[in-house]
Amino acid sequence: MEKGTFTITLADGTQLLNLKENGNCIISKDQIDADLLDDENLLEVDIGGVQHENMTCTNLWEENSETWFILRDKTEAELKELEIDAKIDFLMAMQGVL
């Protein structure tokens, strides 16, 4: 990603505009609610024209009237755990346990 401002488009179509980067931190002059950056809304993310899938927000905080946050791709281990959890939930539902 080149220096300057960029846009992030989330899975629900929400666009976060005029973002800046500082290391691995993303900075917005707008307030961003943690619910907006939940795992479901980070399933498909476009960051400055680069497509990502299955991201997670590891940190979100306010500093100097700006919102700072960190997004990262989920690891293979995290994705495998989600897959196993989904299969367990399905089996429990089929057995009437849920």
PDB file of N, CA and C in Angstrom:
ATOM      1  N   MET A   1       0.841  -1.166   0.000  1.00  0.00           N
ATOM      2  CA  MET A   1       0.000   0.000   0.000  1.00  0.00           C
ATOM      3  C   MET A   1       0.894   1.239   0.000  1.00  0.00           C
ATOM      4  N   GLU A   2       0.626   2.178  -0.887  1.00  0.00           N
ATOM      5  CA  GLU A   2       1.468   3.364  -0.919  1.00  0.00           C
ATOM      6  C   GLU A   2       1.030   4.359   0.143  1.00  0.00           C
ATOM      7  N   LYS A   3       1.943   5.261   0.491  1.00  0.00           N
ATOM      8  CA  LYS A   3       1.666   6.262   1.522  1.00  0.00           C
ATOM      9  C   LYS A   3       0.556   7.194   1.048  1.00  0.00           C
ATOM     10  N   GLY A   4      -0.068   7.863   1.994  1.00  0.00           N
ATOM     11  CA  GLY A   4      -1.188   8.738   1.688  1.00  0.00           C
ATOM     12  C   GLY A   4      -2.437   8.159   2.317  1.00  0.00           C
ATOM     13  N   THR A   5      -3.574   8.482   1.738  1.00  0.00           N
ATOM     14  CA  THR A   5      -4.823   7.949   2.278  1.00  0.00           C
ATOM     15  C   THR A   5      -5.327   6.807   1.408  1.00  0.00           C
ATOM     16  N   PHE A   6      -6.141   5.961   2.008  1.00  0.00           N
ATOM     17  CA  PHE A   6      -6.730   4.829   1.306  1.00  0.00           C
ATOM     18  C   PHE A   6      -8.098   4.533   1.895  1.00  0.00           C
ATOM     19  N   THR A   7      -8.802   3.622   1.257  1.00  0.00           N
ATOM     20  CA  THR A   7     -10.160   3.238   1.649  1.00  0.00           C
ATOM     21  C   THR A   7     -10.195   1.754   1.964  1.00  0.00           C
ATOM     22  N   ILE A   8     -10.990   1.391   2.969  1.00  0.00           N
ATOM     23  CA  ILE A   8     -11.274  -0.013   3.266  1.00  0.00           C
ATOM     24  C   ILE A   8     -12.761  -0.233   3.021  1.00  0.00           C
ATOM     25  N   THR A   9     -13.087  -1.274   2.273  1.00  0.00           N
ATOM     26  CA  THR A   9     -14.477  -1.668   2.054  1.00  0.00           C
ATOM     27  C   THR A   9     -14.711  -2.988   2.771  1.00  0.00           C
ATOM     28  N   LEU A  10     -15.699  -2.998   3.665  1.00  0.00           N
ATOM     29  CA  LEU A  10     -16.009  -4.179   4.470  1.00  0.00           C
ATOM     30  C   LEU A  10     -17.035  -5.064   3.764  1.00  0.00           C
ATOM     31  N   ALA A  11     -17.278  -6.249   4.292  1.00  0.00           N
ATOM     32  CA  ALA A  11     -18.170  -7.229   3.682  1.00  0.00           C
ATOM     33  C   ALA A  11     -19.584  -6.680   3.474  1.00  0.00           C
ATOM     34  N   ASP A  12     -20.066  -5.839   4.384  1.00  0.00           N
ATOM     35  CA  ASP A  12     -21.417  -5.299   4.249  1.00  0.00           C
ATOM     36  C   ASP A  12     -21.486  -4.091   3.316  1.00  0.00           C
ATOM     37  N   GLY A  13     -20.355  -3.731   2.695  1.00  0.00           N
ATOM     38  CA  GLY A  13     -20.317  -2.612   1.766  1.00  0.00           C
ATOM     39  C   GLY A  13     -19.915  -1.291   2.406  1.00  0.00           C
ATOM     40  N   THR A  14     -19.794  -1.255   3.726  1.00  0.00           N
ATOM     41  CA  THR A  14     -19.377  -0.039   4.410  1.00  0.00           C
ATOM     42  C   THR A  14     -17.973   0.346   3.957  1.00  0.00           C
ATOM     43  N   GLN A  15     -17.789   1.624   3.657  1.00  0.00           N
ATOM     44  CA  GLN A  15     -16.477   2.115   3.275  1.00  0.00           C
ATOM     45  C   GLN A  15     -15.928   3.006   4.372  1.00  0.00           C
ATOM     46  N   LEU A  16     -14.709   2.730   4.767  1.00  0.00           N
ATOM     47  CA  LEU A  16     -13.976   3.566   5.703  1.00  0.00           C
ATOM     48  C   LEU A  16     -13.017   4.390   4.851  1.00  0.00           C
ATOM     49  N   LEU A  17     -13.227   5.710   4.841  1.00  0.00           N
ATOM     50  CA  LEU A  17     -12.546   6.596   3.897  1.00  0.00           C
ATOM     51  C   LEU A  17     -11.420   7.382   4.546  1.00  0.00           C
ATOM     52  N   ASN A  18     -10.510   7.845   3.711  1.00  0.00           N
ATOM     53  CA  ASN A  18      -9.416   8.727   4.123  1.00  0.00           C
ATOM     54  C   ASN A  18      -8.611   8.169   5.294  1.00  0.00           C
ATOM     55  N   LEU A  19      -8.298   6.886   5.219  1.00  0.00           N
ATOM     56  CA  LEU A  19      -7.514   6.234   6.269  1.00  0.00           C
ATOM     57  C   LEU A  19      -6.034   6.463   6.034  1.00  0.00           C
ATOM     58  N   LYS A  20      -5.289   6.467   7.111  1.00  0.00           N
ATOM     59  CA  LYS A  20      -3.832   6.550   7.037  1.00  0.00           C
ATOM     60  C   LYS A  20      -3.242   5.338   7.731  1.00  0.00           C
ATOM     61  N   GLU A  21      -1.987   5.067   7.411  1.00  0.00           N
ATOM     62  CA  GLU A  21      -1.297   3.910   7.966  1.00  0.00           C
ATOM     63  C   GLU A  21      -0.095   4.380   8.781  1.00  0.00           C
ATOM     64  N   ASN A  22       0.094   3.749   9.940  1.00  0.00           N
ATOM     65  CA  ASN A  22       1.270   3.999  10.766  1.00  0.00           C
ATOM     66  C   ASN A  22       1.755   2.637  11.242  1.00  0.00           C
ATOM     67  N   GLY A  23       2.773   2.099  10.588  1.00  0.00           N
ATOM     68  CA  GLY A  23       3.210   0.728  10.879  1.00  0.00           C
ATOM     69  C   GLY A  23       2.104  -0.232  10.477  1.00  0.00           C
ATOM     70  N   ASN A  24       1.642  -1.055  11.424  1.00  0.00           N
ATOM     71  CA  ASN A  24       0.529  -1.958  11.131  1.00  0.00           C
ATOM     72  C   ASN A  24      -0.794  -1.394  11.641  1.00  0.00           C
ATOM     73  N   CYS A  25      -0.789  -0.144  12.082  1.00  0.00           N
ATOM     74  CA  CYS A  25      -2.003   0.510  12.576  1.00  0.00           C
ATOM     75  C   CYS A  25      -2.681   1.282  11.450  1.00  0.00           C
ATOM     76  N   ILE A  26      -3.998   1.271  11.469  1.00  0.00           N
ATOM     77  CA  ILE A  26      -4.801   2.038  10.533  1.00  0.00           C
ATOM     78  C   ILE A  26      -5.462   3.147  11.346  1.00  0.00           C
ATOM     79  N   ILE A  27      -5.430   4.362  10.813  1.00  0.00           N
ATOM     80  CA  ILE A  27      -5.907   5.523  11.552  1.00  0.00           C
ATOM     81  C   ILE A  27      -7.029   6.194  10.771  1.00  0.00           C
ATOM     82  N   SER A  28      -8.141   6.461  11.498  1.00  0.00           N
ATOM     83  CA  SER A  28      -9.285   7.143  10.912  1.00  0.00           C
ATOM     84  C   SER A  28      -9.610   8.379  11.737  1.00  0.00           C
ATOM     85  N   LYS A  29      -9.918   9.471  11.053  1.00  0.00           N
ATOM     86  CA  LYS A  29     -10.361  10.672  11.765  1.00  0.00           C
ATOM     87  C   LYS A  29     -11.795  10.491  12.264  1.00  0.00           C
ATOM     88  N   ASP A  30     -12.516   9.526  11.697  1.00  0.00           N
ATOM     89  CA  ASP A  30     -13.895   9.234  12.099  1.00  0.00           C
ATOM     90  C   ASP A  30     -13.908   8.218  13.230  1.00  0.00           C
ATOM     91  N   GLN A  31     -14.947   8.288  14.051  1.00  0.00           N
ATOM     92  CA  GLN A  31     -15.115   7.288  15.102  1.00  0.00           C
ATOM     93  C   GLN A  31     -15.616   5.998  14.455  1.00  0.00           C
ATOM     94  N   ILE A  32     -15.023   4.883  14.841  1.00  0.00           N
ATOM     95  CA  ILE A  32     -15.405   3.577  14.308  1.00  0.00           C
ATOM     96  C   ILE A  32     -15.810   2.698  15.474  1.00  0.00           C
ATOM     97  N   ASP A  33     -17.021   2.162  15.392  1.00  0.00           N
ATOM     98  CA  ASP A  33     -17.549   1.300  16.443  1.00  0.00           C
ATOM     99  C   ASP A  33     -16.975  -0.107  16.295  1.00  0.00           C
ATOM    100  N   ALA A  34     -16.675  -0.748  17.405  1.00  0.00           N
ATOM    101  CA  ALA A  34     -16.111  -2.104  17.396  1.00  0.00           C
ATOM    102  C   ALA A  34     -17.024  -3.085  16.672  1.00  0.00           C
ATOM    103  N   ASP A  35     -18.346  -2.884  16.761  1.00  0.00           N
ATOM    104  CA  ASP A  35     -19.291  -3.791  16.089  1.00  0.00           C
ATOM    105  C   ASP A  35     -19.101  -3.784  14.576  1.00  0.00           C
ATOM    106  N   LEU A  36     -18.649  -2.664  14.036  1.00  0.00           N
ATOM    107  CA  LEU A  36     -18.437  -2.565  12.594  1.00  0.00           C
ATOM    108  C   LEU A  36     -17.294  -3.463  12.137  1.00  0.00           C
ATOM    109  N   LEU A  37     -16.333  -3.691  13.029  1.00  0.00           N
ATOM    110  CA  LEU A  37     -15.154  -4.492  12.688  1.00  0.00           C
ATOM    111  C   LEU A  37     -15.225  -5.902  13.278  1.00  0.00           C
ATOM    112  N   ASP A  38     -16.452  -6.452  13.363  1.00  0.00           N
ATOM    113  CA  ASP A  38     -16.583  -7.822  13.868  1.00  0.00           C
ATOM    114  C   ASP A  38     -16.149  -8.812  12.788  1.00  0.00           C
ATOM    115  N   ASP A  39     -15.896 -10.047  13.191  1.00  0.00           N
ATOM    116  CA  ASP A  39     -15.367 -11.057  12.264  1.00  0.00           C
ATOM    117  C   ASP A  39     -16.272 -11.286  11.056  1.00  0.00           C
ATOM    118  N   GLU A  40     -17.581 -11.196  11.244  1.00  0.00           N
ATOM    119  CA  GLU A  40     -18.507 -11.408  10.125  1.00  0.00           C
ATOM    120  C   GLU A  40     -18.319 -10.334   9.061  1.00  0.00           C
ATOM    121  N   ASN A  41     -18.113  -9.101   9.490  1.00  0.00           N
ATOM    122  CA  ASN A  41     -17.947  -8.004   8.545  1.00  0.00           C
ATOM    123  C   ASN A  41     -16.533  -7.957   7.965  1.00  0.00           C
ATOM    124  N   LEU A  42     -15.649  -8.797   8.492  1.00  0.00           N
ATOM    125  CA  LEU A  42     -14.284  -8.869   7.980  1.00  0.00           C
ATOM    126  C   LEU A  42     -14.037 -10.136   7.167  1.00  0.00           C
ATOM    127  N   LEU A  43     -15.122 -10.819   6.763  1.00  0.00           N
ATOM    128  CA  LEU A  43     -14.970 -12.015   5.935  1.00  0.00           C
ATOM    129  C   LEU A  43     -14.394 -11.669   4.563  1.00  0.00           C
ATOM    130  N   GLU A  44     -14.834 -10.549   4.005  1.00  0.00           N
ATOM    131  CA  GLU A  44     -14.310 -10.062   2.730  1.00  0.00           C
ATOM    132  C   GLU A  44     -13.985  -8.590   2.909  1.00  0.00           C
ATOM    133  N   VAL A  45     -12.725  -8.240   2.708  1.00  0.00           N
ATOM    134  CA  VAL A  45     -12.261  -6.871   2.943  1.00  0.00           C
ATOM    135  C   VAL A  45     -11.388  -6.433   1.771  1.00  0.00           C
ATOM    136  N   ASP A  46     -11.637  -5.227   1.293  1.00  0.00           N
ATOM    137  CA  ASP A  46     -10.783  -4.619   0.284  1.00  0.00           C
ATOM    138  C   ASP A  46     -10.020  -3.492   0.978  1.00  0.00           C
ATOM    139  N   ILE A  47      -8.718  -3.613   1.019  1.00  0.00           N
ATOM    140  CA  ILE A  47      -7.881  -2.593   1.641  1.00  0.00           C
ATOM    141  C   ILE A  47      -7.051  -1.939   0.546  1.00  0.00           C
ATOM    142  N   GLY A  48      -7.451  -0.740   0.180  1.00  0.00           N
ATOM    143  CA  GLY A  48      -6.714  -0.001  -0.845  1.00  0.00           C
ATOM    144  C   GLY A  48      -6.577  -0.756  -2.153  1.00  0.00           C
ATOM    145  N   GLY A  49      -7.609  -1.523  -2.521  1.00  0.00           N
ATOM    146  CA  GLY A  49      -7.590  -2.271  -3.772  1.00  0.00           C
ATOM    147  C   GLY A  49      -7.053  -3.689  -3.659  1.00  0.00           C
ATOM    148  N   VAL A  50      -6.632  -4.093  -2.473  1.00  0.00           N
ATOM    149  CA  VAL A  50      -6.122  -5.455  -2.256  1.00  0.00           C
ATOM    150  C   VAL A  50      -7.186  -6.252  -1.503  1.00  0.00           C
ATOM    151  N   GLN A  51      -7.596  -7.389  -2.073  1.00  0.00           N
ATOM    152  CA  GLN A  51      -8.644  -8.223  -1.478  1.00  0.00           C
ATOM    153  C   GLN A  51      -8.074  -9.117  -0.380  1.00  0.00           C
ATOM    154  N   HIS A  52      -8.824  -9.193   0.730  1.00  0.00           N
ATOM    155  CA  HIS A  52      -8.481 -10.086   1.844  1.00  0.00           C
ATOM    156  C   HIS A  52      -9.727 -10.863   2.232  1.00  0.00           C
ATOM    157  N   GLU A  53      -9.536 -12.060   2.762  1.00  0.00           N
ATOM    158  CA  GLU A  53     -10.632 -12.866   3.295  1.00  0.00           C
ATOM    159  C   GLU A  53     -10.292 -13.283   4.714  1.00  0.00           C
ATOM    160  N   ASN A  54     -11.331 -13.392   5.532  1.00  0.00           N
ATOM    161  CA  ASN A  54     -11.187 -13.902   6.897  1.00  0.00           C
ATOM    162  C   ASN A  54     -10.171 -13.105   7.713  1.00  0.00           C
ATOM    163  N   MET A  55     -10.448 -11.827   7.869  1.00  0.00           N
ATOM    164  CA  MET A  55      -9.578 -10.985   8.699  1.00  0.00           C
ATOM    165  C   MET A  55     -10.155 -10.890  10.104  1.00  0.00           C
ATOM    166  N   THR A  56      -9.365 -10.361  11.011  1.00  0.00           N
ATOM    167  CA  THR A  56      -9.828 -10.103  12.366  1.00  0.00           C
ATOM    168  C   THR A  56      -9.232  -8.777  12.829  1.00  0.00           C
ATOM    169  N   CYS A  57      -9.963  -8.089  13.693  1.00  0.00           N
ATOM    170  CA  CYS A  57      -9.489  -6.843  14.280  1.00  0.00           C
ATOM    171  C   CYS A  57      -8.881  -7.192  15.635  1.00  0.00           C
ATOM    172  N   THR A  58      -7.582  -6.973  15.772  1.00  0.00           N
ATOM    173  CA  THR A  58      -6.909  -7.360  17.012  1.00  0.00           C
ATOM    174  C   THR A  58      -6.893  -6.249  18.044  1.00  0.00           C
ATOM    175  N   ASN A  59      -6.948  -5.005  17.607  1.00  0.00           N
ATOM    176  CA  ASN A  59      -6.939  -3.867  18.521  1.00  0.00           C
ATOM    177  C   ASN A  59      -7.783  -2.743  17.941  1.00  0.00           C
ATOM    178  N   LEU A  60      -8.425  -1.982  18.832  1.00  0.00           N
ATOM    179  CA  LEU A  60      -9.215  -0.817  18.429  1.00  0.00           C
ATOM    180  C   LEU A  60      -9.207   0.156  19.596  1.00  0.00           C
ATOM    181  N   TRP A  61      -8.731   1.386  19.366  1.00  0.00           N
ATOM    182  CA  TRP A  61      -8.686   2.356  20.447  1.00  0.00           C
ATOM    183  C   TRP A  61      -8.786   3.773  19.884  1.00  0.00           C
ATOM    184  N   GLU A  62      -9.119   4.709  20.785  1.00  0.00           N
ATOM    185  CA  GLU A  62      -9.199   6.130  20.453  1.00  0.00           C
ATOM    186  C   GLU A  62      -7.930   6.813  20.947  1.00  0.00           C
ATOM    187  N   GLU A  63      -7.368   7.659  20.092  1.00  0.00           N
ATOM    188  CA  GLU A  63      -6.160   8.396  20.459  1.00  0.00           C
ATOM    189  C   GLU A  63      -6.164   9.722  19.702  1.00  0.00           C
ATOM    190  N   ASN A  64      -6.040  10.828  20.451  1.00  0.00           N
ATOM    191  CA  ASN A  64      -5.999  12.163  19.838  1.00  0.00           C
ATOM    192  C   ASN A  64      -7.168  12.418  18.891  1.00  0.00           C
ATOM    193  N   SER A  65      -8.380  12.069  19.325  1.00  0.00           N
ATOM    194  CA  SER A  65      -9.609  12.267  18.542  1.00  0.00           C
ATOM    195  C   SER A  65      -9.617  11.467  17.238  1.00  0.00           C
ATOM    196  N   GLU A  66      -8.830  10.404  17.179  1.00  0.00           N
ATOM    197  CA  GLU A  66      -8.805   9.526  16.015  1.00  0.00           C
ATOM    198  C   GLU A  66      -9.055   8.094  16.485  1.00  0.00           C
ATOM    199  N   THR A  67      -9.538   7.272  15.565  1.00  0.00           N
ATOM    200  CA  THR A  67      -9.689   5.844  15.847  1.00  0.00           C
ATOM    201  C   THR A  67      -8.510   5.112  15.225  1.00  0.00           C
ATOM    202  N   TRP A  68      -7.824   4.339  16.039  1.00  0.00           N
ATOM    203  CA  TRP A  68      -6.711   3.515  15.592  1.00  0.00           C
ATOM    204  C   TRP A  68      -7.150   2.056  15.683  1.00  0.00           C
ATOM    205  N   PHE A  69      -6.797   1.248  14.685  1.00  0.00           N
ATOM    206  CA  PHE A  69      -7.118  -0.175  14.755  1.00  0.00           C
ATOM    207  C   PHE A  69      -6.115  -0.979  13.947  1.00  0.00           C
ATOM    208  N   ILE A  70      -6.087  -2.271  14.253  1.00  0.00           N
ATOM    209  CA  ILE A  70      -5.185  -3.201  13.571  1.00  0.00           C
ATOM    210  C   ILE A  70      -6.021  -4.347  13.017  1.00  0.00           C
ATOM    211  N   LEU A  71      -5.874  -4.604  11.729  1.00  0.00           N
ATOM    212  CA  LEU A  71      -6.506  -5.759  11.082  1.00  0.00           C
ATOM    213  C   LEU A  71      -5.409  -6.713  10.657  1.00  0.00           C
ATOM    214  N   ARG A  72      -5.714  -8.004  10.735  1.00  0.00           N
ATOM    215  CA  ARG A  72      -4.775  -9.005  10.225  1.00  0.00           C
ATOM    216  C   ARG A  72      -5.566 -10.184   9.671  1.00  0.00           C
ATOM    217  N   ASP A  73      -4.931 -10.922   8.771  1.00  0.00           N
ATOM    218  CA  ASP A  73      -5.535 -12.143   8.249  1.00  0.00           C
ATOM    219  C   ASP A  73      -5.523 -13.203   9.339  1.00  0.00           C
ATOM    220  N   LYS A  74      -6.596 -13.988   9.413  1.00  0.00           N
ATOM    221  CA  LYS A  74      -6.620 -15.089  10.375  1.00  0.00           C
ATOM    222  C   LYS A  74      -5.606 -16.145   9.940  1.00  0.00           C
ATOM    223  N   THR A  75      -5.033 -16.821  10.932  1.00  0.00           N
ATOM    224  CA  THR A  75      -4.053 -17.864  10.649  1.00  0.00           C
ATOM    225  C   THR A  75      -4.764 -19.136  10.189  1.00  0.00           C
ATOM    226  N   GLU A  76      -4.002 -20.042   9.602  1.00  0.00           N
ATOM    227  CA  GLU A  76      -4.558 -21.340   9.190  1.00  0.00           C
ATOM    228  C   GLU A  76      -5.145 -22.080  10.392  1.00  0.00           C
ATOM    229  N   ALA A  77      -4.485 -21.986  11.538  1.00  0.00           N
ATOM    230  CA  ALA A  77      -4.971 -22.652  12.747  1.00  0.00           C
ATOM    231  C   ALA A  77      -6.320 -22.069  13.175  1.00  0.00           C
ATOM    232  N   GLU A  78      -6.470 -20.760  13.109  1.00  0.00           N
ATOM    233  CA  GLU A  78      -7.745 -20.126  13.467  1.00  0.00           C
ATOM    234  C   GLU A  78      -8.855 -20.545  12.506  1.00  0.00           C
ATOM    235  N   LEU A  79      -8.535 -20.616  11.219  1.00  0.00           N
ATOM    236  CA  LEU A  79      -9.536 -21.029  10.231  1.00  0.00           C
ATOM    237  C   LEU A  79      -9.948 -22.486  10.435  1.00  0.00           C
ATOM    238  N   LYS A  80      -8.978 -23.340  10.759  1.00  0.00           N
ATOM    239  CA  LYS A  80      -9.276 -24.754  11.011  1.00  0.00           C
ATOM    240  C   LYS A  80     -10.166 -24.894  12.241  1.00  0.00           C
ATOM    241  N   GLU A  81      -9.888 -24.125  13.283  1.00  0.00           N
ATOM    242  CA  GLU A  81     -10.698 -24.156  14.499  1.00  0.00           C
ATOM    243  C   GLU A  81     -12.141 -23.726  14.205  1.00  0.00           C
ATOM    244  N   LEU A  82     -12.312 -22.703  13.373  1.00  0.00           N
ATOM    245  CA  LEU A  82     -13.658 -22.255  12.995  1.00  0.00           C
ATOM    246  C   LEU A  82     -14.406 -23.354  12.234  1.00  0.00           C
ATOM    247  N   GLU A  83     -13.685 -24.046  11.356  1.00  0.00           N
ATOM    248  CA  GLU A  83     -14.273 -25.140  10.583  1.00  0.00           C
ATOM    249  C   GLU A  83     -14.725 -26.273  11.504  1.00  0.00           C
ATOM    250  N   ILE A  84     -13.890 -26.633  12.461  1.00  0.00           N
ATOM    251  CA  ILE A  84     -14.229 -27.696  13.410  1.00  0.00           C
ATOM    252  C   ILE A  84     -15.416 -27.288  14.269  1.00  0.00           C
ATOM    253  N   ASP A  85     -15.417 -26.036  14.765  1.00  0.00           N
ATOM    254  CA  ASP A  85     -16.533 -25.535  15.579  1.00  0.00           C
ATOM    255  C   ASP A  85     -17.845 -25.585  14.803  1.00  0.00           C
ATOM    256  N   ALA A  86     -17.800 -25.218  13.520  1.00  0.00           N
ATOM    257  CA  ALA A  86     -19.009 -25.244  12.695  1.00  0.00           C
ATOM    258  C   ALA A  86     -19.522 -26.669  12.530  1.00  0.00           C
ATOM    259  N   LYS A  87     -18.619 -27.625  12.354  1.00  0.00           N
ATOM    260  CA  LYS A  87     -19.027 -29.025  12.216  1.00  0.00           C
ATOM    261  C   LYS A  87     -19.621 -29.550  13.519  1.00  0.00           C
ATOM    262  N   ILE A  88     -19.036 -29.187  14.641  1.00  0.00           N
ATOM    263  CA  ILE A  88     -19.568 -29.606  15.942  1.00  0.00           C
ATOM    264  C   ILE A  88     -20.962 -29.021  16.156  1.00  0.00           C
ATOM    265  N   ASP A  89     -21.120 -27.727  15.843  1.00  0.00           N
ATOM    266  CA  ASP A  89     -22.432 -27.086  15.973  1.00  0.00           C
ATOM    267  C   ASP A  89     -23.473 -27.779  15.102  1.00  0.00           C
ATOM    268  N   PHE A  90     -23.088 -28.145  13.875  1.00  0.00           N
ATOM    269  CA  PHE A  90     -24.009 -28.827  12.976  1.00  0.00           C
ATOM    270  C   PHE A  90     -24.424 -30.179  13.560  1.00  0.00           C
ATOM    271  N   LEU A  91     -23.444 -30.945  14.027  1.00  0.00           N
ATOM    272  CA  LEU A  91     -23.752 -32.266  14.589  1.00  0.00           C
ATOM    273  C   LEU A  91     -24.638 -32.159  15.823  1.00  0.00           C
ATOM    274  N   MET A  92     -24.374 -31.152  16.669  1.00  0.00           N
ATOM    275  CA  MET A  92     -25.200 -30.964  17.852  1.00  0.00           C
ATOM    276  C   MET A  92     -26.625 -30.579  17.469  1.00  0.00           C
ATOM    277  N   ALA A  93     -26.757 -29.740  16.461  1.00  0.00           N
ATOM    278  CA  ALA A  93     -28.090 -29.342  16.001  1.00  0.00           C
ATOM    279  C   ALA A  93     -28.848 -30.540  15.432  1.00  0.00           C
ATOM    280  N   MET A  94     -28.140 -31.402  14.708  1.00  0.00           N
ATOM    281  CA  MET A  94     -28.769 -32.584  14.121  1.00  0.00           C
ATOM    282  C   MET A  94     -29.228 -33.565  15.214  1.00  0.00           C
ATOM    283  N   GLN A  95     -28.544 -33.547  16.351  1.00  0.00           N
ATOM    284  CA  GLN A  95     -28.893 -34.423  17.456  1.00  0.00           C
ATOM    285  C   GLN A  95     -29.918 -33.773  18.400  1.00  0.00           C
ATOM    286  N   GLY A  96     -30.269 -32.524  18.115  1.00  0.00           N
ATOM    287  CA  GLY A  96     -31.241 -31.819  18.934  1.00  0.00           C
ATOM    288  C   GLY A  96     -30.668 -31.320  20.242  1.00  0.00           C
ATOM    289  N   VAL A  97     -29.362 -31.202  20.336  1.00  0.00           N
ATOM    290  CA  VAL A  97     -28.724 -30.753  21.576  1.00  0.00           C
ATOM    291  C   VAL A  97     -28.812 -29.238  21.736  1.00  0.00           C
ATOM    292  N   LEU A  98     -28.803 -28.509  20.631  1.00  0.00           N
ATOM    293  CA  LEU A  98     -28.862 -27.034  20.701  1.00  0.00           C
ATOM    294  C   LEU A  98     -30.253 -26.543  20.932  1.00  0.00           C
TER     295      LEU A  98
END
